[in-house]
Each structure stands twice: as structure tokens, then as C-alpha cells.
């Protein structure tokens, strides 16, 4: 047996393992930063979509244009700047009662954008609801999902569905009444929109998401 040859092979293999591991860690770290930036930009595009701003080329420039500020609801319903990192998912934030509000300026008028998060038929659904300065009239919405059925529940992402919310009101006698009713069964047109035909469970999920999340913002919504 050639001991020197075996030792060389073992040393060479060990060095290669270390080098490859280092390169993989370096590439992973580099990609992680890029991936986070991409997710951050996509999240900001969704927030802008709630303001009816689409096909954005320069996201940061649009955020600056509309003076969008990430705020947190205080116990008395007022807002204070979020000193933490920008979030790309609000499920955990909402669960931990860290209620974000994106305050912005549209043509000289204050708008408020509230993130919402819930469950559809096949997975999570989420979105953003923009309100006028009165904190009660819907200015725009954006909804998305992880795996709803194309042509059915996935229709929550369409402009046709989302535009139904424009001008609707959030609170009725201090209670969140904004929501989605079964298709063709809208009884309160000032607050409700038509659900998706054939997408009943997703529609119910969006309705529950809106009511559950916005109810947590009650101190902010009623603080005039």
C-alpha cells in the first residue's frame, strides 16, 4: 500500500470539501441578500398596487413620490414610526400585535394602507387595504394568494374583483362590516362586495381575513 499516496488523496479531498463548502456558503450569502431585496421590492409593489399604482419600474422612487412611511399603531390608536426593519410578511407581525400602517400622500390627501393576512382554500391569502383620510372609505385594495384555484379562488387577484371594494366603508356602528358576501347575496352594498362564483371558500377566507385583521386596528380606525 502506498501510504504517501493515500495520505495525499485524503488531504486533497479534505481541502476540496472545505473549499467547496466555503464557496457554497459565499454564494448562498450573496444570493440571500439579492433574494431578500427582490422580495422587498415585490412587497412594496403590492403596497403601491393598493394605491392603484401598477407597472412600477422604480419602486423606491414611487415610495418617495407618495411619501410612504411605515408606521406602527400605538395603544391609544395614534401612529409612531417603525424603527425596525421593513417586513415582507405581516402574518407574524399581526399575530404579535405589531400593527403596521403605511401612511402616504396622494395628490395632497393622506391615505392609510393596512396589511391583512388570512387563509384561503389551499393556502395563505394576504393583501393591503388603502383607506382615505377618514379611515373608513376604501381607496384601493390588493389581494394575493399562495395556491388558490385558477379561474376560481385565484380571481381575488383580478382588478375586476378588487375594484368592487372602491368607495366601500369599513365600519358600521364601530364594527368592521367591510367584507365579501356570497355571490349575488350582497345585502349591504355600502360595505359588502360580491364573492367569487365557484370560489366560495376563498371568498369566505378573504371575508374573514378582512374582518379579523381590520378589527385589530379598531383603536386606529376609530381615533379621529
Protein backbone atom coordinates (compact mmCIF):
# COMPACT_ATOMS: atom_id res chain seq x y z
CA UNK A 1 0.00 0.00 0.00
CA UNK A 2 1.27 3.44 -0.91
CA UNK A 3 0.79 5.33 2.34
CA UNK A 4 2.00 8.63 0.91
CA UNK A 5 -0.47 8.36 -1.99
CA UNK A 6 -3.38 7.62 0.35
CA UNK A 7 -2.44 10.47 2.65
CA UNK A 8 -2.24 12.85 -0.32
CA UNK A 9 -5.70 11.73 -1.51
CA UNK A 10 -7.23 12.24 1.94
CA UNK A 11 -5.62 15.67 2.38
CA UNK A 12 -6.62 16.74 -1.13
CA UNK A 13 -10.22 15.58 -0.62
CA UNK A 14 -10.40 17.35 2.76
CA UNK A 15 -9.13 20.60 1.26
CA UNK A 16 -11.62 20.36 -1.60
CA UNK A 17 -14.50 19.77 0.83
CA UNK A 18 -13.51 22.88 2.80
CA UNK A 19 -13.09 24.97 -0.37
CA UNK A 20 -16.42 23.83 -1.84
CA UNK A 21 -18.20 24.42 1.48
CA UNK A 22 -16.73 27.93 1.65
CA UNK A 23 -17.78 28.70 -1.93
CA UNK A 24 -21.30 27.41 -1.34
CA UNK A 25 -21.63 29.46 1.84
CA UNK A 26 -20.36 32.55 0.00
CA UNK A 27 -22.75 32.07 -2.92
CA UNK A 28 -25.66 31.36 -0.56
CA UNK A 29 -24.94 34.51 1.44
CA UNK A 30 -24.69 36.61 -1.73
CA UNK A 31 -27.90 35.19 -3.17
CA UNK A 32 -29.75 35.59 0.13
CA UNK A 33 -29.20 39.34 0.07
CA UNK A 34 -30.36 39.53 -3.55
CA UNK A 35 -33.37 37.33 -2.86
CA UNK A 36 -34.41 39.46 0.12
CA UNK A 37 -34.12 42.61 -1.97
CA UNK A 38 -36.32 41.07 -4.66
CA UNK A 39 -38.95 40.06 -2.09
CA UNK A 40 -38.79 43.53 -0.55
CA UNK A 41 -39.34 45.17 -3.94
CA UNK A 42 -42.26 42.83 -4.67
CA UNK A 43 -43.84 43.64 -1.29
CA UNK A 44 -43.52 47.36 -1.99
CA UNK A 45 -45.12 46.86 -5.42
CA UNK A 46 -48.09 45.20 -3.70
CA UNK A 47 -48.41 48.13 -1.31
CA UNK A 48 -48.33 50.53 -4.27
CA UNK A 49 -50.97 48.42 -6.04
CA UNK A 50 -53.33 49.11 -3.13
CA UNK A 51 -52.96 52.77 -4.13
CA UNK A 52 -53.93 51.79 -7.68
CA UNK A 53 -50.34 52.28 -8.85
CA UNK A 54 -49.27 49.49 -11.21
CA UNK A 55 -46.43 48.54 -13.59
CA UNK A 56 -43.85 50.24 -11.38
CA UNK A 57 -40.33 50.47 -12.79
CA UNK A 58 -38.53 52.25 -9.91
CA UNK A 59 -40.16 51.10 -6.67
CA UNK A 60 -38.11 53.23 -4.30
CA UNK A 61 -38.79 56.33 -6.39
CA UNK A 62 -42.55 55.65 -6.21
CA UNK A 63 -42.36 55.16 -2.45
CA UNK A 64 -40.63 58.53 -2.23
CA UNK A 65 -43.14 60.14 -4.58
CA UNK A 66 -46.07 59.12 -2.40
CA UNK A 67 -44.13 59.77 0.83
CA UNK A 68 -44.93 56.26 2.06
CA UNK A 69 -43.96 55.83 5.71
CA UNK A 70 -44.00 52.57 7.67
CA UNK A 71 -45.80 53.28 10.95
CA UNK A 72 -46.96 51.22 13.94
CA UNK A 73 -50.26 51.62 15.77
CA UNK A 74 -49.82 52.69 19.39
CA UNK A 75 -52.16 51.60 22.25
CA UNK A 76 -54.08 54.89 22.01
CA UNK A 77 -54.63 54.49 18.27
CA UNK A 78 -52.02 57.02 17.17
CA UNK A 79 -49.13 56.17 14.86
CA UNK A 80 -45.39 56.11 15.51
CA UNK A 81 -42.57 55.38 13.02
CA UNK A 82 -41.43 51.77 12.74
CA UNK A 83 -37.78 51.81 13.77
CA UNK A 84 -37.31 48.14 12.88
CA UNK A 85 -36.58 46.51 9.54
CA UNK A 86 -39.03 46.65 6.67
CA UNK A 87 -41.17 43.50 6.76
CA UNK A 88 -42.06 41.36 3.75
CA UNK A 89 -44.67 39.25 5.56
CA UNK A 90 -47.16 40.50 8.12
CA UNK A 91 -48.57 37.25 9.50
CA UNK A 92 -46.16 37.22 12.42
CA UNK A 93 -46.38 40.97 12.89
CA UNK A 94 -50.17 40.89 13.16
CA UNK A 95 -50.05 37.83 15.44
CA UNK A 96 -47.65 39.73 17.74
CA UNK A 97 -49.89 42.80 17.71
CA UNK A 98 -47.34 44.85 15.77
CA UNK A 99 -49.87 46.57 13.57
CA UNK A 100 -48.30 48.32 10.62
CA UNK A 101 -49.91 51.22 8.78
CA UNK A 102 -48.34 52.71 5.67
CA UNK A 103 -49.14 56.40 5.75
CA UNK A 104 -48.81 58.20 2.42
CA UNK A 105 -49.71 61.27 0.40
CA UNK A 106 -51.74 61.07 -2.81
CA UNK A 107 -52.38 64.40 -4.52
CA UNK A 108 -52.18 66.21 -1.20
CA UNK A 109 -54.51 63.81 0.60
CA UNK A 110 -53.46 61.38 3.32
CA UNK A 111 -54.08 57.69 2.67
CA UNK A 112 -53.54 54.77 5.03
CA UNK A 113 -52.61 51.26 3.86
CA UNK A 114 -53.23 48.34 6.21
CA UNK A 115 -51.78 44.84 5.62
CA UNK A 116 -54.12 41.86 6.08
CA UNK A 117 -53.37 38.12 6.26
CA UNK A 118 -55.57 35.03 6.30
CA UNK A 119 -56.28 31.58 4.85
CA UNK A 120 -57.92 30.58 1.59
CA UNK A 121 -58.89 27.13 0.32
CA UNK A 122 -55.40 25.79 -0.40
CA UNK A 123 -53.11 28.12 1.49
CA UNK A 124 -52.49 31.62 2.77
CA UNK A 125 -54.10 34.72 1.29
CA UNK A 126 -52.94 38.24 2.03
CA UNK A 127 -53.28 41.78 0.88
CA UNK A 128 -53.31 45.51 1.57
CA UNK A 129 -56.30 47.81 2.04
CA UNK A 130 -55.88 51.53 1.38
CA UNK A 131 -58.22 53.93 3.16
CA UNK A 132 -59.00 57.60 2.71
CA UNK A 133 -58.08 60.08 5.42
CA UNK A 134 -61.40 59.37 7.17
CA UNK A 135 -60.05 55.85 7.89
CA UNK A 136 -63.39 54.46 6.74
CA UNK A 137 -63.64 54.77 2.95
CA UNK A 138 -61.75 52.29 0.80
CA UNK A 139 -59.40 53.95 -1.69
CA UNK A 140 -57.97 50.73 -3.11
CA UNK A 141 -57.09 47.12 -2.33
CA UNK A 142 -54.64 44.46 -3.39
CA UNK A 143 -55.05 40.73 -2.71
CA UNK A 144 -52.84 37.75 -3.49
CA UNK A 145 -52.59 34.05 -2.63
CA UNK A 146 -50.24 31.09 -2.47
CA UNK A 147 -52.26 28.41 -4.22
CA UNK A 148 -55.92 29.16 -4.94
CA UNK A 149 -57.57 27.51 -7.95
CA UNK A 150 -57.07 29.31 -11.30
CA UNK A 151 -60.36 30.66 -12.63
CA UNK A 152 -62.00 30.28 -9.22
CA UNK A 153 -60.43 31.37 -5.92
CA UNK A 154 -57.45 32.87 -7.74
CA UNK A 155 -59.83 35.53 -9.09
CA UNK A 156 -59.19 37.52 -5.89
CA UNK A 157 -56.09 38.85 -7.67
CA UNK A 158 -58.06 40.35 -10.54
CA UNK A 159 -58.86 44.03 -10.96
CA UNK A 160 -62.49 43.07 -11.55
CA UNK A 161 -62.79 41.61 -8.05
CA UNK A 162 -60.65 44.20 -6.29
CA UNK A 163 -62.33 47.22 -7.89
CA UNK A 164 -65.59 46.23 -6.19
CA UNK A 165 -64.11 47.50 -2.93
CA UNK A 166 -63.52 51.06 -4.11
CA UNK A 167 -65.66 53.50 -2.15
CA UNK A 168 -66.96 50.89 0.29
CA UNK A 169 -66.96 51.66 4.02
CA UNK A 170 -65.17 49.76 6.77
CA UNK A 171 -67.10 50.44 9.96
CA UNK A 172 -70.80 50.18 10.73
CA UNK A 173 -71.57 51.44 14.25
CA UNK A 174 -67.93 50.93 15.20
CA UNK A 175 -67.81 47.31 13.96
CA UNK A 176 -65.93 46.14 10.86
CA UNK A 177 -68.61 45.47 8.25
CA UNK A 178 -66.41 45.58 5.13
CA UNK A 179 -66.34 42.12 3.61
CA UNK A 180 -67.22 39.60 0.94
CA UNK A 181 -70.73 38.18 0.66
CA UNK A 182 -71.82 35.07 -1.20
CA UNK A 183 -72.09 35.77 -4.92
CA UNK A 184 -75.40 37.53 -5.64
CA UNK A 185 -76.29 37.84 -1.95
CA UNK A 186 -74.98 41.33 -1.12
CA UNK A 187 -77.37 42.86 1.41
CA UNK A 188 -75.29 45.87 2.44
CA UNK A 189 -73.83 47.41 -0.74
CA UNK A 190 -72.12 50.18 1.21
CA UNK A 191 -69.93 47.58 2.93
CA UNK A 192 -70.05 44.30 1.02
CA UNK A 193 -68.82 43.03 -2.33
CA UNK A 194 -69.82 40.03 -4.41
CA UNK A 195 -67.91 36.84 -3.71
CA UNK A 196 -66.42 34.74 -6.49
CA UNK A 197 -68.81 32.39 -8.23
CA UNK A 198 -67.45 28.90 -7.64
CA UNK A 199 -64.86 30.20 -5.18
CA UNK A 200 -66.97 30.20 -2.04
CA UNK A 201 -64.30 29.02 0.40
CA UNK A 202 -61.72 31.51 -0.87
CA UNK A 203 -64.33 34.28 -0.71
CA UNK A 204 -65.11 33.33 2.90
CA UNK A 205 -61.39 33.30 3.63
CA UNK A 206 -60.97 36.83 2.29
CA UNK A 207 -64.03 37.99 4.23
CA UNK A 208 -62.66 36.51 7.47
CA UNK A 209 -59.22 37.96 6.76
CA UNK A 210 -60.62 41.46 6.32
CA UNK A 211 -62.82 41.34 9.40
CA UNK A 212 -60.28 39.64 11.68
CA UNK A 213 -57.35 41.86 10.75
CA UNK A 214 -59.14 45.18 10.50
CA UNK A 215 -60.83 44.55 13.84
CA UNK A 216 -57.36 44.53 15.41
CA UNK A 217 -56.92 48.07 14.06
CA UNK A 218 -60.06 49.32 15.81
CA UNK A 219 -58.23 51.80 18.05
CA UNK A 220 -56.62 53.36 14.97
CA UNK A 221 -59.76 53.31 12.81
CA UNK A 222 -61.89 54.98 15.48
CA UNK A 223 -59.24 57.52 16.52
CA UNK A 224 -60.43 60.58 14.59
